Amino acid sequence: MQTSSVSQKGQVTIPASVRKQLGIGTGDAVAFETEGDRVYLKAVPSSIEASFGLVKARRSATLDEMDDAVRRRGAGKP
């Protein structure tokens, strides 16, 4: 078992081997789950799929409308 100390700010350093096993890097989010006197640490997915639904569209667009917008933008038109 690996241990770490809690700082005055409540921060804990996750051991490198645990970060490697979970695929956690600098700036990644983690989640804590408690069950009785146990705490579980989980990596939070940072893929685009994890962000799906965070932004609401004002209206939908057809594929033709999107293609037309891409063509106009490529031609330097708004």
N, C-alpha and C. Protein backbone atom coordinates (compact mmCIF):
# COMPACT_ATOMS: atom_id res chain seq x y z
N MET A 1 0.85 -1.18 0.00
CA MET A 1 0.00 0.00 0.00
C MET A 1 0.89 1.23 0.00
N GLN A 2 0.54 2.20 -0.84
CA GLN A 2 1.28 3.45 -0.91
C GLN A 2 0.54 4.50 -0.09
N THR A 3 1.28 5.40 0.54
CA THR A 3 0.66 6.43 1.36
C THR A 3 1.09 7.81 0.89
N SER A 4 0.33 8.82 1.28
CA SER A 4 0.63 10.20 0.97
C SER A 4 0.08 11.05 2.11
N SER A 5 0.66 12.20 2.34
CA SER A 5 0.20 13.09 3.42
C SER A 5 -0.75 14.14 2.86
N VAL A 6 -1.62 14.64 3.72
CA VAL A 6 -2.56 15.70 3.34
C VAL A 6 -1.92 17.04 3.71
N SER A 7 -1.91 17.98 2.74
CA SER A 7 -1.33 19.30 2.99
C SER A 7 -2.32 20.16 3.78
N GLN A 8 -1.86 21.36 4.18
CA GLN A 8 -2.73 22.29 4.91
C GLN A 8 -3.94 22.69 4.07
N LYS A 9 -3.79 22.66 2.75
CA LYS A 9 -4.89 23.01 1.85
C LYS A 9 -5.78 21.82 1.53
N GLY A 10 -5.51 20.67 2.12
CA GLY A 10 -6.31 19.48 1.86
C GLY A 10 -5.89 18.73 0.61
N GLN A 11 -4.72 19.05 0.08
CA GLN A 11 -4.24 18.42 -1.14
C GLN A 11 -3.44 17.16 -0.83
N VAL A 12 -3.56 16.19 -1.72
CA VAL A 12 -2.84 14.93 -1.59
C VAL A 12 -2.14 14.65 -2.92
N THR A 13 -0.90 14.20 -2.86
CA THR A 13 -0.18 13.83 -4.07
C THR A 13 -0.51 12.38 -4.40
N ILE A 14 -0.96 12.15 -5.63
CA ILE A 14 -1.25 10.78 -6.07
C ILE A 14 0.07 10.16 -6.51
N PRO A 15 0.45 9.03 -5.95
CA PRO A 15 1.73 8.41 -6.33
C PRO A 15 1.81 8.17 -7.83
N ALA A 16 3.02 8.33 -8.37
CA ALA A 16 3.24 8.21 -9.82
C ALA A 16 2.74 6.88 -10.37
N SER A 17 2.96 5.79 -9.64
CA SER A 17 2.53 4.49 -10.15
C SER A 17 1.00 4.40 -10.27
N VAL A 18 0.29 5.07 -9.36
CA VAL A 18 -1.18 5.07 -9.42
C VAL A 18 -1.63 5.95 -10.58
N ARG A 19 -1.00 7.12 -10.76
CA ARG A 19 -1.34 7.98 -11.89
C ARG A 19 -1.11 7.25 -13.20
N LYS A 20 -0.02 6.54 -13.29
CA LYS A 20 0.29 5.79 -14.51
C LYS A 20 -0.76 4.70 -14.75
N GLN A 21 -1.12 3.97 -13.72
CA GLN A 21 -2.09 2.88 -13.85
C GLN A 21 -3.45 3.41 -14.29
N LEU A 22 -3.84 4.59 -13.79
CA LEU A 22 -5.14 5.16 -14.13
C LEU A 22 -5.09 6.05 -15.37
N GLY A 23 -3.89 6.32 -15.88
CA GLY A 23 -3.76 7.17 -17.04
C GLY A 23 -4.03 8.63 -16.73
N ILE A 24 -3.71 9.06 -15.52
CA ILE A 24 -3.96 10.43 -15.08
C ILE A 24 -2.72 11.27 -15.32
N GLY A 25 -2.90 12.43 -15.95
CA GLY A 25 -1.79 13.35 -16.20
C GLY A 25 -2.10 14.72 -15.64
N THR A 26 -1.16 15.62 -15.79
CA THR A 26 -1.32 16.99 -15.32
C THR A 26 -2.57 17.62 -15.92
N GLY A 27 -3.40 18.21 -15.08
CA GLY A 27 -4.62 18.87 -15.53
C GLY A 27 -5.83 17.98 -15.70
N ASP A 28 -5.65 16.66 -15.58
CA ASP A 28 -6.78 15.74 -15.70
C ASP A 28 -7.66 15.83 -14.46
N ALA A 29 -8.93 15.51 -14.64
CA ALA A 29 -9.88 15.52 -13.52
C ALA A 29 -9.98 14.12 -12.92
N VAL A 30 -10.22 14.07 -11.62
CA VAL A 30 -10.44 12.81 -10.93
C VAL A 30 -11.72 12.93 -10.10
N ALA A 31 -12.33 11.81 -9.81
CA ALA A 31 -13.55 11.78 -9.01
C ALA A 31 -13.30 10.95 -7.77
N PHE A 32 -13.94 11.34 -6.68
CA PHE A 32 -13.84 10.62 -5.42
C PHE A 32 -15.20 10.04 -5.08
N GLU A 33 -15.21 8.77 -4.71
CA GLU A 33 -16.43 8.13 -4.25
C GLU A 33 -16.13 7.51 -2.89
N THR A 34 -17.06 7.68 -1.97
CA THR A 34 -16.87 7.11 -0.65
C THR A 34 -17.86 5.99 -0.43
N GLU A 35 -17.41 5.01 0.31
CA GLU A 35 -18.24 3.87 0.69
C GLU A 35 -17.81 3.47 2.09
N GLY A 36 -18.61 3.88 3.05
CA GLY A 36 -18.21 3.64 4.44
C GLY A 36 -16.96 4.43 4.76
N ASP A 37 -15.92 3.73 5.23
CA ASP A 37 -14.67 4.41 5.55
C ASP A 37 -13.65 4.31 4.42
N ARG A 38 -14.09 3.93 3.23
CA ARG A 38 -13.19 3.81 2.08
C ARG A 38 -13.46 4.93 1.08
N VAL A 39 -12.40 5.35 0.41
CA VAL A 39 -12.50 6.36 -0.63
C VAL A 39 -11.92 5.77 -1.91
N TYR A 40 -12.68 5.90 -3.00
CA TYR A 40 -12.24 5.40 -4.30
C TYR A 40 -11.93 6.58 -5.20
N LEU A 41 -10.80 6.51 -5.88
CA LEU A 41 -10.36 7.53 -6.81
C LEU A 41 -10.54 7.00 -8.22
N LYS A 42 -11.19 7.79 -9.07
CA LYS A 42 -11.41 7.36 -10.44
C LYS A 42 -11.00 8.47 -11.39
N ALA A 43 -10.42 8.10 -12.52
CA ALA A 43 -10.09 9.06 -13.56
C ALA A 43 -11.39 9.46 -14.25
N VAL A 44 -11.54 10.75 -14.55
CA VAL A 44 -12.71 11.26 -15.25
C VAL A 44 -12.34 11.38 -16.73
N PRO A 45 -13.09 10.74 -17.61
CA PRO A 45 -12.77 10.81 -19.04
C PRO A 45 -12.73 12.25 -19.53
N SER A 46 -11.76 12.57 -20.35
CA SER A 46 -11.64 13.94 -20.86
C SER A 46 -11.87 14.00 -22.36
N SER A 47 -12.49 12.98 -22.91
CA SER A 47 -12.73 12.95 -24.34
C SER A 47 -13.88 13.88 -24.71
N ILE A 48 -14.01 14.16 -25.97
CA ILE A 48 -15.08 15.01 -26.46
C ILE A 48 -16.44 14.39 -26.15
N GLU A 49 -16.51 13.06 -26.13
CA GLU A 49 -17.77 12.40 -25.83
C GLU A 49 -18.23 12.71 -24.41
N ALA A 50 -17.27 12.92 -23.49
CA ALA A 50 -17.62 13.24 -22.11
C ALA A 50 -18.26 14.61 -22.01
N SER A 51 -18.00 15.49 -22.97
CA SER A 51 -18.54 16.84 -22.96
C SER A 51 -19.85 16.94 -23.73
N PHE A 52 -20.28 15.86 -24.35
CA PHE A 52 -21.49 15.88 -25.17
C PHE A 52 -22.68 16.36 -24.36
N GLY A 53 -23.42 17.31 -24.90
CA GLY A 53 -24.62 17.80 -24.25
C GLY A 53 -24.39 19.02 -23.37
N LEU A 54 -23.14 19.47 -23.20
CA LEU A 54 -22.88 20.63 -22.36
C LEU A 54 -23.31 21.92 -23.04
N VAL A 55 -23.25 21.94 -24.36
CA VAL A 55 -23.63 23.13 -25.11
C VAL A 55 -24.93 22.84 -25.85
N LYS A 56 -25.89 23.71 -25.67
CA LYS A 56 -27.19 23.55 -26.32
C LYS A 56 -27.24 24.38 -27.59
N ALA A 57 -27.66 23.77 -28.69
CA ALA A 57 -27.80 24.48 -29.96
C ALA A 57 -29.07 25.32 -29.95
N ARG A 58 -28.98 26.49 -30.57
CA ARG A 58 -30.18 27.33 -30.68
C ARG A 58 -31.16 26.75 -31.68
N ARG A 59 -30.59 26.12 -32.73
CA ARG A 59 -31.43 25.47 -33.73
C ARG A 59 -30.58 24.40 -34.40
N SER A 60 -31.22 23.47 -35.04
CA SER A 60 -30.48 22.42 -35.74
C SER A 60 -30.22 22.86 -37.18
N ALA A 61 -29.26 22.22 -37.82
CA ALA A 61 -28.94 22.53 -39.21
C ALA A 61 -28.85 21.22 -39.99
N THR A 62 -29.22 21.29 -41.24
CA THR A 62 -29.12 20.11 -42.09
C THR A 62 -27.67 19.96 -42.55
N LEU A 63 -27.33 18.80 -43.10
CA LEU A 63 -25.98 18.59 -43.62
C LEU A 63 -25.69 19.55 -44.78
N ASP A 64 -26.70 19.79 -45.61
CA ASP A 64 -26.52 20.73 -46.73
C ASP A 64 -26.22 22.13 -46.22
N GLU A 65 -26.91 22.57 -45.17
CA GLU A 65 -26.66 23.89 -44.59
C GLU A 65 -25.25 23.98 -44.01
N MET A 66 -24.81 22.91 -43.34
CA MET A 66 -23.45 22.89 -42.78
C MET A 66 -22.41 22.91 -43.88
N ASP A 67 -22.61 22.12 -44.93
CA ASP A 67 -21.68 22.11 -46.07
C ASP A 67 -21.60 23.49 -46.72
N ASP A 68 -22.74 24.14 -46.87
CA ASP A 68 -22.78 25.47 -47.47
C ASP A 68 -22.01 26.47 -46.59
N ALA A 69 -22.19 26.39 -45.29
CA ALA A 69 -21.48 27.29 -44.37
C ALA A 69 -19.97 27.08 -44.44
N VAL A 70 -19.54 25.83 -44.56
CA VAL A 70 -18.11 25.52 -44.68
C VAL A 70 -17.57 26.09 -45.98
N ARG A 71 -18.32 25.93 -47.08
CA ARG A 71 -17.88 26.46 -48.38
C ARG A 71 -17.77 27.99 -48.32
N ARG A 72 -18.78 28.66 -47.75
CA ARG A 72 -18.76 30.12 -47.65
C ARG A 72 -17.55 30.58 -46.81
N ARG A 73 -17.32 29.91 -45.70
CA ARG A 73 -16.21 30.29 -44.81
C ARG A 73 -14.88 30.09 -45.51
N GLY A 74 -14.76 29.01 -46.27
CA GLY A 74 -13.53 28.74 -47.02
C GLY A 74 -13.28 29.77 -48.10
N ALA A 75 -14.36 30.37 -48.60
CA ALA A 75 -14.24 31.39 -49.63
C ALA A 75 -14.06 32.78 -49.02
N GLY A 76 -14.00 32.84 -47.69
CA GLY A 76 -13.82 34.12 -47.02
C GLY A 76 -15.07 34.93 -46.84
N LYS A 77 -16.22 34.29 -47.02
CA LYS A 77 -17.50 34.98 -46.83
C LYS A 77 -18.10 34.59 -45.49
N PRO A 78 -18.80 35.53 -44.85
CA PRO A 78 -19.44 35.21 -43.55
C PRO A 78 -20.62 34.28 -43.66
